[in-house]
């Protein structure tokens, strides 16, 4: 009897853990417009920090541009 109670709880917890990935997040798309500070401030507190972090780590649109540093004479 005790075995079935533990088995039922384990089964329920594993099903719930499996289903947690099925719901969509309220996280907006990381783009130039959404990453403006006034738009980040409008987000819920739960996702604000994670979204701001993703904005900081997004791919730089100017990647590939190379500006050579001036040569230094020591």
N, C-alpha and C. Protein backbone atom coordinates (compact mmCIF):
# COMPACT_ATOMS: atom_id res chain seq x y z
N UNK A 1 0.82 -1.19 0.00
CA UNK A 1 0.00 0.00 0.00
C UNK A 1 0.87 1.26 0.00
N UNK A 2 1.91 1.25 0.80
CA UNK A 2 2.79 2.41 0.89
C UNK A 2 3.55 2.60 -0.42
N UNK A 3 3.88 1.49 -1.07
CA UNK A 3 4.60 1.56 -2.34
C UNK A 3 3.77 2.28 -3.40
N UNK A 4 2.48 2.02 -3.44
CA UNK A 4 1.63 2.65 -4.46
C UNK A 4 1.48 4.15 -4.20
N UNK A 5 1.46 4.58 -2.94
CA UNK A 5 1.38 6.01 -2.64
C UNK A 5 2.62 6.72 -3.14
N UNK A 6 3.79 6.15 -2.90
CA UNK A 6 5.02 6.76 -3.36
C UNK A 6 5.10 6.74 -4.89
N UNK A 7 4.65 5.63 -5.46
CA UNK A 7 4.66 5.52 -6.91
C UNK A 7 3.72 6.55 -7.54
N UNK A 8 2.54 6.74 -6.94
CA UNK A 8 1.58 7.71 -7.46
C UNK A 8 2.15 9.13 -7.36
N UNK A 9 2.78 9.45 -6.26
CA UNK A 9 3.38 10.78 -6.09
C UNK A 9 4.51 11.00 -7.08
N UNK A 10 5.36 10.00 -7.25
CA UNK A 10 6.45 10.10 -8.20
C UNK A 10 5.93 10.26 -9.62
N UNK A 11 4.90 9.52 -9.95
CA UNK A 11 4.29 9.62 -11.28
C UNK A 11 3.71 11.02 -11.50
N UNK A 12 3.00 11.55 -10.54
CA UNK A 12 2.40 12.87 -10.65
C UNK A 12 3.46 13.96 -10.79
N UNK A 13 4.49 13.89 -9.98
CA UNK A 13 5.57 14.88 -10.05
C UNK A 13 6.29 14.81 -11.39
N UNK A 14 6.53 13.61 -11.89
CA UNK A 14 7.22 13.49 -13.17
C UNK A 14 6.36 14.01 -14.32
N UNK A 15 5.06 13.78 -14.29
CA UNK A 15 4.16 14.30 -15.32
C UNK A 15 4.13 15.83 -15.25
N UNK A 16 4.05 16.39 -14.07
CA UNK A 16 4.04 17.85 -13.92
C UNK A 16 5.35 18.46 -14.40
N UNK A 17 6.45 17.82 -14.09
CA UNK A 17 7.75 18.32 -14.55
C UNK A 17 7.85 18.25 -16.07
N UNK A 18 7.32 17.21 -16.65
CA UNK A 18 7.33 17.05 -18.10
C UNK A 18 6.48 18.13 -18.78
N UNK A 19 5.35 18.47 -18.19
CA UNK A 19 4.43 19.42 -18.80
C UNK A 19 4.82 20.88 -18.61
N UNK A 20 5.76 21.17 -17.74
CA UNK A 20 6.12 22.57 -17.50
C UNK A 20 6.71 23.21 -18.73
N UNK A 21 7.30 22.47 -19.63
CA UNK A 21 7.86 23.03 -20.85
C UNK A 21 6.83 23.24 -21.94
N UNK A 22 5.59 22.91 -21.71
CA UNK A 22 4.56 23.00 -22.75
C UNK A 22 3.92 24.38 -22.85
N UNK A 23 4.05 25.20 -21.84
CA UNK A 23 3.42 26.51 -21.90
C UNK A 23 4.40 27.54 -22.46
N UNK A 24 3.85 28.46 -23.25
CA UNK A 24 4.67 29.49 -23.84
C UNK A 24 5.00 30.56 -22.80
N UNK A 25 6.15 31.15 -22.96
CA UNK A 25 6.60 32.20 -22.06
C UNK A 25 6.02 33.54 -22.50
N UNK A 26 5.89 34.47 -21.58
CA UNK A 26 5.44 35.82 -21.90
C UNK A 26 6.61 36.70 -22.31
N UNK A 27 7.75 36.09 -22.57
CA UNK A 27 8.96 36.82 -22.94
C UNK A 27 8.79 37.38 -24.36
N UNK A 28 8.91 38.70 -24.52
CA UNK A 28 8.83 39.26 -25.87
C UNK A 28 10.07 38.92 -26.68
N UNK A 29 9.98 39.14 -27.97
CA UNK A 29 11.11 38.89 -28.86
C UNK A 29 12.22 39.89 -28.56
N UNK A 30 13.46 39.41 -28.58
CA UNK A 30 14.61 40.28 -28.34
C UNK A 30 14.96 40.96 -29.67
N UNK A 31 14.64 42.24 -29.76
CA UNK A 31 14.98 43.02 -30.95
C UNK A 31 15.29 44.46 -30.54
N UNK A 32 15.64 45.26 -31.52
CA UNK A 32 16.07 46.64 -31.24
C UNK A 32 14.98 47.43 -30.52
N UNK A 33 13.75 47.32 -30.98
CA UNK A 33 12.65 48.09 -30.40
C UNK A 33 12.32 47.63 -28.98
N UNK A 34 12.25 46.32 -28.77
CA UNK A 34 11.89 45.79 -27.45
C UNK A 34 13.00 46.00 -26.43
N UNK A 35 14.23 46.17 -26.88
CA UNK A 35 15.35 46.32 -25.95
C UNK A 35 15.59 47.77 -25.53
N UNK A 36 14.71 48.67 -25.95
CA UNK A 36 14.82 50.05 -25.46
C UNK A 36 14.44 50.07 -23.98
N UNK A 37 15.11 50.95 -23.22
CA UNK A 37 14.91 50.97 -21.76
C UNK A 37 13.45 51.21 -21.38
N UNK A 38 12.75 52.09 -22.09
CA UNK A 38 11.35 52.36 -21.72
C UNK A 38 10.46 51.13 -21.94
N UNK A 39 10.81 50.29 -22.91
CA UNK A 39 10.03 49.07 -23.13
C UNK A 39 10.39 47.98 -22.12
N UNK A 40 11.63 47.94 -21.70
CA UNK A 40 12.03 46.97 -20.67
C UNK A 40 11.35 47.29 -19.35
N UNK A 41 11.20 48.58 -19.05
CA UNK A 41 10.56 48.98 -17.79
C UNK A 41 9.09 48.57 -17.74
N UNK A 42 8.45 48.38 -18.88
CA UNK A 42 7.04 47.99 -18.93
C UNK A 42 6.81 46.51 -18.63
N UNK A 43 7.86 45.72 -18.63
CA UNK A 43 7.73 44.27 -18.43
C UNK A 43 7.45 43.93 -16.97
N UNK A 44 6.90 42.73 -16.76
CA UNK A 44 6.67 42.23 -15.41
C UNK A 44 8.00 42.00 -14.72
N UNK A 45 8.00 42.12 -13.42
CA UNK A 45 9.23 41.96 -12.63
C UNK A 45 9.84 40.57 -12.80
N UNK A 46 9.01 39.55 -13.03
CA UNK A 46 9.52 38.18 -13.12
C UNK A 46 10.44 37.98 -14.32
N UNK A 47 10.16 38.69 -15.43
CA UNK A 47 10.94 38.46 -16.63
C UNK A 47 11.84 39.63 -17.00
N UNK A 48 11.73 40.73 -16.28
CA UNK A 48 12.49 41.93 -16.64
C UNK A 48 14.00 41.69 -16.65
N UNK A 49 14.53 41.07 -15.61
CA UNK A 49 15.98 40.87 -15.51
C UNK A 49 16.48 39.89 -16.58
N UNK A 50 15.75 38.81 -16.80
CA UNK A 50 16.17 37.84 -17.81
C UNK A 50 16.13 38.46 -19.21
N UNK A 51 15.08 39.25 -19.49
CA UNK A 51 14.97 39.87 -20.81
C UNK A 51 16.08 40.90 -21.02
N UNK A 52 16.36 41.71 -20.00
CA UNK A 52 17.44 42.70 -20.12
C UNK A 52 18.78 42.01 -20.35
N UNK A 53 18.99 40.88 -19.71
CA UNK A 53 20.21 40.12 -19.91
C UNK A 53 20.31 39.62 -21.35
N UNK A 54 19.20 39.14 -21.90
CA UNK A 54 19.20 38.67 -23.28
C UNK A 54 19.45 39.83 -24.25
N UNK A 55 18.93 41.00 -23.92
CA UNK A 55 19.17 42.17 -24.77
C UNK A 55 20.66 42.52 -24.80
N UNK A 56 21.31 42.42 -23.68
CA UNK A 56 22.74 42.73 -23.62
C UNK A 56 23.57 41.72 -24.39
N UNK A 57 23.09 40.49 -24.48
CA UNK A 57 23.86 39.43 -25.12
C UNK A 57 23.46 39.19 -26.58
N UNK A 58 22.52 39.95 -27.08
CA UNK A 58 22.06 39.70 -28.46
C UNK A 58 23.19 39.97 -29.45
N UNK A 59 23.03 39.44 -30.63
CA UNK A 59 24.04 39.57 -31.67
C UNK A 59 24.13 41.04 -32.08
N UNK A 60 25.34 41.51 -32.15
CA UNK A 60 25.58 42.88 -32.55
C UNK A 60 25.30 43.03 -34.04
N UNK A 61 24.45 43.98 -34.41
CA UNK A 61 24.11 44.15 -35.82
C UNK A 61 25.28 44.73 -36.61
N UNK A 62 26.25 45.29 -35.94
CA UNK A 62 27.40 45.84 -36.63
C UNK A 62 28.56 44.86 -36.64
N UNK A 63 28.29 43.62 -36.29
CA UNK A 63 29.34 42.61 -36.28
C UNK A 63 29.89 42.46 -37.69
N UNK A 64 31.16 42.33 -37.79
CA UNK A 64 31.79 42.21 -39.09
C UNK A 64 32.50 43.49 -39.50
N UNK A 65 32.11 44.60 -38.89
CA UNK A 65 32.82 45.84 -39.16
C UNK A 65 34.12 45.83 -38.39
N UNK A 66 35.15 46.27 -39.02
CA UNK A 66 36.45 46.29 -38.36
C UNK A 66 37.04 47.67 -38.51
N UNK A 67 37.38 48.26 -37.39
CA UNK A 67 38.02 49.57 -37.40
C UNK A 67 39.40 49.39 -36.77
N UNK A 68 40.40 49.64 -37.56
CA UNK A 68 41.76 49.43 -37.08
C UNK A 68 42.14 50.53 -36.08
N UNK A 69 42.80 50.12 -35.03
CA UNK A 69 43.29 51.08 -34.04
C UNK A 69 44.49 51.81 -34.59
N UNK A 70 44.68 53.06 -34.16
CA UNK A 70 45.88 53.78 -34.63
C UNK A 70 47.14 53.12 -34.09
N UNK A 71 48.15 53.07 -34.91
CA UNK A 71 49.39 52.44 -34.50
C UNK A 71 50.08 53.31 -33.46
N UNK A 72 50.63 52.69 -32.43
CA UNK A 72 51.27 53.44 -31.35
C UNK A 72 52.78 53.29 -31.48
N UNK A 73 53.45 54.38 -31.27
CA UNK A 73 54.91 54.40 -31.29
C UNK A 73 55.37 54.52 -29.84
N UNK A 74 55.88 53.45 -29.30
CA UNK A 74 56.32 53.46 -27.90
C UNK A 74 57.70 53.95 -27.86
